[in-house]
Amino acid sequence: MGQCRIGARAPIAIQSMTNTPTVDAARTLEQVRRLERVGCDVVRLSVPTEEAAYTVWKLKEAGINIPIVADIHFDYRIALRCAELGFDKIRINPGNIGDEDRIKAVCDACRERHIPIRVGVNAGSLEKHILKKYGSPTPEALCESALYHIALLEKFGFYDTVISIKASTVKDMIDANRLIAAKCEYPLHLGVTEAGGGERGLLKSTAGIGALLCDGIGDTIRVSLTDDPIHEIAAARKILQALGIEGQSGMDIVSCPTCARTEIDLIPLVKRFEAAVAAEGLDSVPVKVALMGCVVNGPGEAREADVGIAGGRGEAVLFRHGEIVEKIPERDIVDRLLREVRAIKEQKGYE
């Protein structure tokens, strides 16, 4: 799909969605550029009208390289137009776009242009016969709906498909994706829909997406937040970093929760270090840095860290892989750790 590969053990792709009016090409272009700059791999645009579909021309003409997904809900003719205009992927719910002739037309148009289709299923889009069978949008109902849609595409010889099953209830989202992962080998797009904003949205998304990634399930993710889409990318990266996903983990900062043995002001110290790392753009460097409150357990507990400190009264010991190197004054800790990270970055040739 464009310059981003999904599935087949490719790196986990991070997605987001614009919230500007798609027909406003200038505003949409600016938001897509911002998303691209912060590391978004795939961006989705809602395309409710044929007029809105033409925005993709403006994006491509402006030099946007990130793959663009057209979000289609009811009108199969808009899906056909999006395929003609150069969208990199089409997102549909096959049950919402009409009879099988229309589904076949979309499959044919996408196959001809090598455009993948994302099948989207959520609790609000279940078919009447499936909802009647299960009585509510259970994980089993969501999974059956996805399989039903896949069968429609396969009927017309279309297999370049990504599946997305989302729910606003975290456990339902987890259970539904576990069910579908056991029944097919298509790439899966993960996300908790309508997760909310701020800390609540981040926690729900982390629980749902994280649980599945730990199971080895999932090929691309979106953290849905009631916020500026830019924050979705930062949140997704934090989830991948916390899980230590190979090749996408960035800096892993380890710090203790403090106790009565702590003799340095560790809580604000960690916050200052995190802020300094972000300000210098060092958070993408794949190193483990430890900030520990005392020397009793610090170097031992954090011996897997590339570099770290363990606090004493007004000072700290600097250690590398558990081996103490030197003592440094408390006021110099942040600067000294930054120097260590810069040295590792240069030595290893990290970008």
Protein backbone atom coordinates (compact mmCIF):
# COMPACT_ATOMS: atom_id res chain seq x y z
CA MET A 1 0.00 0.00 0.00
CA GLY A 2 1.90 3.00 -1.23
CA GLN A 3 5.26 2.99 0.56
CA CYS A 4 3.97 1.15 3.63
CA ARG A 5 3.80 -2.62 3.90
CA ILE A 6 1.26 -4.09 6.32
CA GLY A 7 1.43 -7.67 7.53
CA ALA A 8 3.90 -10.43 6.66
CA ARG A 9 6.06 -9.48 9.68
CA ALA A 10 6.50 -5.90 8.50
CA PRO A 11 6.96 -3.30 11.28
CA ILE A 12 3.75 -2.25 13.06
CA ALA A 13 2.35 0.67 11.04
CA ILE A 14 0.97 3.65 12.96
CA GLN A 15 -2.19 5.22 11.59
CA SER A 16 -4.31 8.28 12.24
CA MET A 17 -7.26 10.08 10.65
CA THR A 18 -7.72 13.72 9.73
CA ASN A 19 -10.50 15.68 11.42
CA THR A 20 -10.53 18.62 9.01
CA PRO A 21 -13.33 18.87 6.40
CA THR A 22 -11.82 16.76 3.62
CA VAL A 23 -13.25 19.07 0.96
CA ASP A 24 -11.05 21.83 2.43
CA ALA A 25 -7.88 20.69 0.70
CA ALA A 26 -5.62 23.37 2.22
CA ARG A 27 -6.48 22.56 5.84
CA THR A 28 -6.38 18.83 5.18
CA LEU A 29 -2.98 19.13 3.50
CA GLU A 30 -1.58 21.01 6.50
CA GLN A 31 -2.84 18.38 8.92
CA VAL A 32 -1.50 15.51 6.82
CA ARG A 33 1.89 17.23 6.65
CA ARG A 34 1.93 17.57 10.43
CA LEU A 35 1.05 13.90 10.85
CA GLU A 36 3.75 12.90 8.38
CA ARG A 37 6.35 14.97 10.23
CA VAL A 38 5.68 13.28 13.58
CA GLY A 39 5.95 9.76 12.16
CA CYS A 40 2.47 8.72 11.05
CA ASP A 41 2.75 5.82 8.57
CA VAL A 42 -0.79 5.84 7.14
CA VAL A 43 -3.49 8.53 7.23
CA ARG A 44 -7.21 8.06 6.61
CA LEU A 45 -9.56 10.68 5.18
CA SER A 46 -13.33 10.60 5.47
CA VAL A 47 -14.76 10.88 1.94
CA PRO A 48 -18.52 11.51 2.19
CA THR A 49 -18.86 13.08 -1.27
CA GLU A 50 -17.22 12.84 -4.69
CA GLU A 51 -16.12 16.46 -4.29
CA ALA A 52 -14.17 15.51 -1.16
CA ALA A 53 -12.43 12.71 -3.07
CA TYR A 54 -10.59 15.23 -5.26
CA THR A 55 -8.57 16.38 -2.25
CA VAL A 56 -6.28 13.40 -2.82
CA TRP A 57 -5.08 15.10 -6.02
CA LYS A 58 -4.07 18.16 -4.04
CA LEU A 59 -2.21 16.02 -1.52
CA LYS A 60 -0.31 14.09 -4.17
CA GLU A 61 0.49 17.27 -6.12
CA ALA A 62 1.86 18.82 -2.91
CA GLY A 63 4.33 15.96 -2.54
CA ILE A 64 2.62 13.95 0.20
CA ASN A 65 4.21 10.50 0.27
CA ILE A 66 2.35 8.96 3.18
CA PRO A 67 -0.30 6.44 2.02
CA ILE A 68 -3.81 7.94 1.97
CA VAL A 69 -6.87 5.83 2.84
CA ALA A 70 -10.37 6.74 1.66
CA ASP A 71 -13.02 6.12 4.31
CA ILE A 72 -16.26 5.15 2.52
CA HIS A 73 -19.51 4.42 4.30
CA PHE A 74 -22.50 4.00 1.99
CA ASP A 75 -21.96 5.12 -1.62
CA TYR A 76 -20.03 2.59 -3.68
CA ARG A 77 -19.71 5.15 -6.50
CA ILE A 78 -17.49 7.29 -4.25
CA ALA A 79 -15.32 4.24 -3.62
CA LEU A 80 -14.95 3.73 -7.37
CA ARG A 81 -14.03 7.39 -7.84
CA CYS A 82 -11.47 7.23 -5.04
CA ALA A 83 -9.84 4.25 -6.72
CA GLU A 84 -9.62 6.23 -9.98
CA LEU A 85 -8.22 9.33 -8.30
CA GLY A 86 -5.27 7.61 -6.65
CA PHE A 87 -6.13 6.75 -3.05
CA ASP A 88 -3.76 4.10 -1.71
CA LYS A 89 -6.40 2.07 0.14
CA ILE A 90 -10.18 1.97 0.38
CA ARG A 91 -11.95 1.40 3.70
CA ILE A 92 -15.46 0.00 3.38
CA ASN A 93 -18.04 -1.99 5.26
CA PRO A 94 -19.25 -4.23 2.40
CA GLY A 95 -22.64 -4.67 4.03
CA ASN A 96 -23.26 -0.92 3.89
CA ILE A 97 -22.64 -0.26 0.20
CA GLY A 98 -25.49 -2.20 -1.39
CA ASP A 99 -26.01 -5.39 -3.36
CA GLU A 100 -23.33 -7.77 -4.54
CA ASP A 101 -22.99 -6.12 -7.95
CA ARG A 102 -21.77 -2.98 -6.20
CA ILE A 103 -19.34 -4.91 -4.03
CA LYS A 104 -18.01 -6.66 -7.15
CA ALA A 105 -17.52 -3.30 -8.86
CA VAL A 106 -15.42 -2.02 -5.95
CA CYS A 107 -13.39 -5.26 -5.86
CA ASP A 108 -12.74 -5.08 -9.60
CA ALA A 109 -11.68 -1.42 -9.46
CA CYS A 110 -9.29 -2.02 -6.56
CA ARG A 111 -7.83 -5.21 -8.02
CA GLU A 112 -7.16 -3.49 -11.34
CA ARG A 113 -5.18 -0.74 -9.59
CA HIS A 114 -3.58 -2.94 -6.89
CA ILE A 115 -5.39 -1.04 -4.14
CA PRO A 116 -6.00 -2.95 -0.89
CA ILE A 117 -9.34 -2.84 0.88
CA ARG A 118 -9.76 -2.44 4.62
CA VAL A 119 -12.88 -4.15 5.91
CA GLY A 120 -14.20 -2.19 8.87
CA VAL A 121 -16.50 -3.73 11.46
CA ASN A 122 -17.72 -2.17 14.69
CA ALA A 123 -20.56 -2.53 17.15
CA GLY A 124 -22.72 -0.01 15.27
CA SER A 125 -22.46 -1.67 11.87
CA LEU A 126 -23.57 -5.26 12.49
CA GLU A 127 -25.91 -6.88 9.98
CA LYS A 128 -29.47 -7.43 11.19
CA HIS A 129 -29.29 -11.20 10.86
CA ILE A 130 -26.09 -11.37 12.93
CA LEU A 131 -27.42 -8.98 15.57
CA LYS A 132 -30.60 -11.05 15.81
CA LYS A 133 -28.59 -14.24 16.20
CA TYR A 134 -26.45 -12.95 19.08
CA GLY A 135 -28.81 -10.39 20.61
CA SER A 136 -26.07 -7.75 21.01
CA PRO A 137 -22.70 -6.82 19.46
CA THR A 138 -20.76 -9.56 21.24
CA PRO A 139 -17.19 -10.46 20.24
CA GLU A 140 -18.59 -13.52 18.48
CA ALA A 141 -21.00 -11.31 16.53
CA LEU A 142 -18.23 -8.91 15.52
CA CYS A 143 -16.04 -11.78 14.37
CA GLU A 144 -18.86 -13.38 12.36
CA SER A 145 -19.61 -10.05 10.69
CA ALA A 146 -15.96 -9.69 9.65
CA LEU A 147 -15.91 -13.21 8.23
CA TYR A 148 -19.13 -12.47 6.36
CA HIS A 149 -17.57 -9.40 4.74
CA ILE A 150 -14.38 -11.26 3.87
CA ALA A 151 -16.43 -13.97 2.19
CA LEU A 152 -18.12 -11.32 0.04
CA LEU A 153 -14.77 -10.02 -1.17
CA GLU A 154 -13.36 -13.51 -1.71
CA LYS A 155 -16.45 -14.40 -3.75
CA PHE A 156 -15.22 -11.88 -6.32
CA GLY A 157 -11.61 -12.99 -6.13
CA PHE A 158 -10.34 -10.20 -3.90
CA TYR A 159 -7.77 -11.08 -1.23
CA ASP A 160 -5.66 -7.94 -0.72
CA THR A 161 -7.53 -7.20 2.49
CA VAL A 162 -6.92 -5.76 5.96
CA ILE A 163 -9.47 -6.44 8.71
CA SER A 164 -10.47 -3.99 11.40
CA ILE A 165 -12.73 -5.01 14.27
CA LYS A 166 -13.26 -2.26 16.80
CA ALA A 167 -15.40 -1.73 19.87
CA SER A 168 -15.56 0.94 22.54
CA THR A 169 -15.49 -1.77 25.21
CA VAL A 170 -11.89 -2.84 25.62
CA LYS A 171 -12.53 -6.48 26.49
CA ASP A 172 -14.92 -6.94 23.56
CA MET A 173 -12.30 -5.49 21.21
CA ILE A 174 -9.63 -7.83 22.58
CA ASP A 175 -11.84 -10.94 22.46
CA ALA A 176 -13.15 -10.20 18.95
CA ASN A 177 -9.66 -9.77 17.53
CA ARG A 178 -8.44 -12.94 19.20
CA LEU A 179 -11.33 -14.80 17.59
CA ILE A 180 -10.69 -13.43 14.09
CA ALA A 181 -6.92 -14.00 14.38
CA ALA A 182 -7.61 -17.69 15.04
CA LYS A 183 -9.85 -17.98 11.98
CA CYS A 184 -7.92 -16.20 9.22
CA GLU A 185 -4.48 -14.91 8.27
CA TYR A 186 -5.39 -11.47 6.94
CA PRO A 187 -3.50 -8.50 8.47
CA LEU A 188 -5.36 -6.92 11.39
CA HIS A 189 -5.79 -3.23 12.16
CA LEU A 190 -6.14 -2.67 15.92
CA GLY A 191 -7.85 0.08 17.83
CA VAL A 192 -10.38 0.85 20.54
CA THR A 193 -13.02 3.01 18.88
CA GLU A 194 -14.46 6.03 20.69
CA ALA A 195 -11.85 5.57 23.40
CA GLY A 196 -12.27 9.15 24.62
CA GLY A 197 -9.75 11.88 25.22
CA GLY A 198 -6.68 12.44 27.36
CA GLU A 199 -5.61 9.90 29.91
CA ARG A 200 -8.82 7.84 29.66
CA GLY A 201 -8.46 7.37 25.91
CA LEU A 202 -4.78 6.52 26.21
CA LEU A 203 -5.36 3.96 28.97
CA LYS A 204 -8.18 2.20 27.10
CA SER A 205 -6.17 2.10 23.89
CA THR A 206 -3.05 0.88 25.69
CA ALA A 207 -4.97 -1.92 27.38
CA GLY A 208 -6.67 -3.10 24.19
CA ILE A 209 -3.88 -2.66 21.67
CA GLY A 210 -1.15 -3.71 24.10
CA ALA A 211 -2.85 -6.95 25.11
CA LEU A 212 -3.21 -8.04 21.50
CA LEU A 213 0.31 -7.04 20.45
CA CYS A 214 1.63 -9.07 23.40
CA ASP A 215 -0.25 -12.03 21.92
CA GLY A 216 1.45 -11.45 18.58
CA ILE A 217 -1.81 -10.20 17.09
CA GLY A 218 -1.97 -7.01 15.03
CA ASP A 219 -0.15 -5.45 12.09
CA THR A 220 -1.18 -1.79 12.21
CA ILE A 221 -2.67 0.37 14.97
CA ARG A 222 -4.59 3.56 15.57
CA VAL A 223 -5.00 5.17 18.97
CA SER A 224 -8.36 6.95 18.63
CA LEU A 225 -8.40 10.07 20.80
CA THR A 226 -10.85 12.94 21.11
CA ASP A 227 -8.00 15.35 20.47
CA ASP A 228 -5.65 16.70 17.83
CA PRO A 229 -4.65 13.66 15.69
CA ILE A 230 -1.00 14.55 16.30
CA HIS A 231 -1.42 13.22 19.85
CA GLU A 232 -2.54 9.86 18.46
CA ILE A 233 0.89 9.30 16.91
CA ALA A 234 2.74 10.13 20.14
CA ALA A 235 0.42 7.80 22.06
CA ALA A 236 0.91 4.96 19.58
CA ARG A 237 4.68 5.32 19.80
CA LYS A 238 4.51 5.21 23.60
CA ILE A 239 2.58 1.94 23.41
CA LEU A 240 5.15 0.40 21.05
CA GLN A 241 8.00 1.69 23.22
CA ALA A 242 6.43 0.26 26.38
CA LEU A 243 6.14 -3.14 24.71
CA GLY A 244 9.65 -3.01 23.33
CA ILE A 245 8.48 -3.80 19.80
CA GLU A 246 11.66 -4.58 17.87
CA GLY A 247 12.80 -1.74 15.63
CA GLN A 248 10.21 0.68 17.02
CA SER A 249 10.98 0.85 20.70
CA GLY A 250 12.98 4.08 20.84
CA MET A 251 14.35 5.13 24.23
CA ASP A 252 13.27 3.08 27.23
CA ILE A 253 13.47 5.15 30.42
CA VAL A 254 13.48 3.03 33.57
CA SER A 255 12.94 4.76 36.91
CA CYS A 256 12.00 3.54 40.37
CA PRO A 257 8.85 4.73 42.19
CA THR A 258 10.98 6.11 45.08
CA CYS A 259 10.88 5.07 48.74
CA ALA A 260 12.33 6.17 52.08
CA ARG A 261 15.84 5.25 50.88
CA THR A 262 15.70 7.88 48.13
CA GLU A 263 18.02 10.78 48.91
CA ILE A 264 17.83 12.73 45.64
CA ASP A 265 14.80 14.57 44.25
CA LEU A 266 14.11 11.83 41.73
CA ILE A 267 10.55 12.64 40.62
CA PRO A 268 11.31 16.12 39.16
CA LEU A 269 14.69 14.81 37.98
CA VAL A 270 13.01 12.18 35.80
CA LYS A 271 10.57 14.78 34.43
CA ARG A 272 13.46 17.11 33.52
CA PHE A 273 15.32 14.30 31.79
CA GLU A 274 12.24 13.24 29.80
CA ALA A 275 11.64 16.85 28.73
CA ALA A 276 15.28 17.31 27.70
CA VAL A 277 15.25 14.07 25.71
CA ALA A 278 12.12 15.15 23.86
CA ALA A 279 13.49 18.64 23.22
CA GLU A 280 16.63 17.21 21.59
CA GLY A 281 14.74 14.56 19.65
CA LEU A 282 16.65 11.79 21.39
CA ASP A 283 13.56 9.78 22.34
CA SER A 284 13.85 7.77 19.11
CA VAL A 285 17.33 6.49 20.05
CA PRO A 286 16.92 2.79 21.00
CA VAL A 287 18.75 2.85 24.33
CA LYS A 288 17.70 1.98 27.87
CA VAL A 289 18.37 4.69 30.46
CA ALA A 290 17.81 4.07 34.18
CA LEU A 291 17.23 6.67 36.88
CA MET A 292 17.20 4.91 40.25
CA GLY A 293 16.63 6.43 43.66
CA CYS A 294 19.38 4.78 45.65
CA VAL A 295 22.61 2.80 45.34
CA VAL A 296 21.30 -0.13 47.39
CA ASN A 297 19.56 -1.80 44.44
CA GLY A 298 19.99 0.71 41.62
CA PRO A 299 22.90 -0.66 39.54
CA GLY A 300 21.85 -4.27 40.14
CA GLU A 301 18.18 -3.86 39.30
CA ALA A 302 19.00 -1.77 36.24
CA ARG A 303 22.01 -3.75 35.02
CA GLU A 304 20.32 -4.24 31.63
CA ALA A 305 20.33 -0.46 31.07
CA ASP A 306 22.88 0.95 28.65
CA VAL A 307 23.48 3.78 31.06
CA GLY A 308 21.95 5.03 34.31
CA ILE A 309 22.35 6.72 37.63
CA ALA A 310 21.67 5.66 41.21
CA GLY A 311 21.16 8.45 43.69
CA GLY A 312 22.93 9.24 46.94
CA ARG A 313 22.80 12.33 49.15
CA GLY A 314 23.33 15.25 46.78
CA GLU A 315 25.05 13.06 44.22
CA ALA A 316 24.69 9.93 42.15
CA VAL A 317 26.80 7.16 40.71
CA LEU A 318 26.83 6.78 36.95
CA PHE A 319 26.80 3.20 35.69
CA ARG A 320 26.89 1.42 32.35
CA HIS A 321 25.37 -2.07 32.17
CA GLY A 322 25.46 -2.29 35.96
CA GLU A 323 29.12 -1.31 36.29
CA ILE A 324 29.73 1.91 38.27
CA VAL A 325 31.81 4.41 36.32
CA GLU A 326 31.99 7.59 38.41
CA LYS A 327 30.22 9.86 40.88
CA ILE A 328 28.48 13.02 39.67
CA PRO A 329 26.78 15.92 41.54
CA GLU A 330 22.99 15.88 41.57
CA ARG A 331 22.84 19.15 39.62
CA ASP A 332 24.76 17.57 36.71
CA ILE A 333 22.74 14.36 36.34
CA VAL A 334 20.52 15.38 33.41
CA ASP A 335 23.37 16.89 31.39
CA ARG A 336 25.61 13.90 32.06
CA LEU A 337 22.97 11.39 30.96
CA LEU A 338 22.29 13.39 27.81
CA ARG A 339 26.01 13.28 26.99
CA GLU A 340 25.96 9.51 27.42
CA VAL A 341 22.96 9.12 25.13
CA ARG A 342 24.50 11.37 22.47
CA ALA A 343 27.71 9.31 22.62
CA ILE A 344 25.80 6.04 22.19
CA LYS A 345 23.83 7.53 19.30
CA GLU A 346 27.03 8.58 17.54
CA GLN A 347 28.86 5.34 18.27
CA LYS A 348 26.00 3.15 17.01
CA GLY A 349 25.18 5.40 14.06
CA TYR A 350 21.52 5.82 15.02
CA GLU A 351 19.51 8.39 13.08
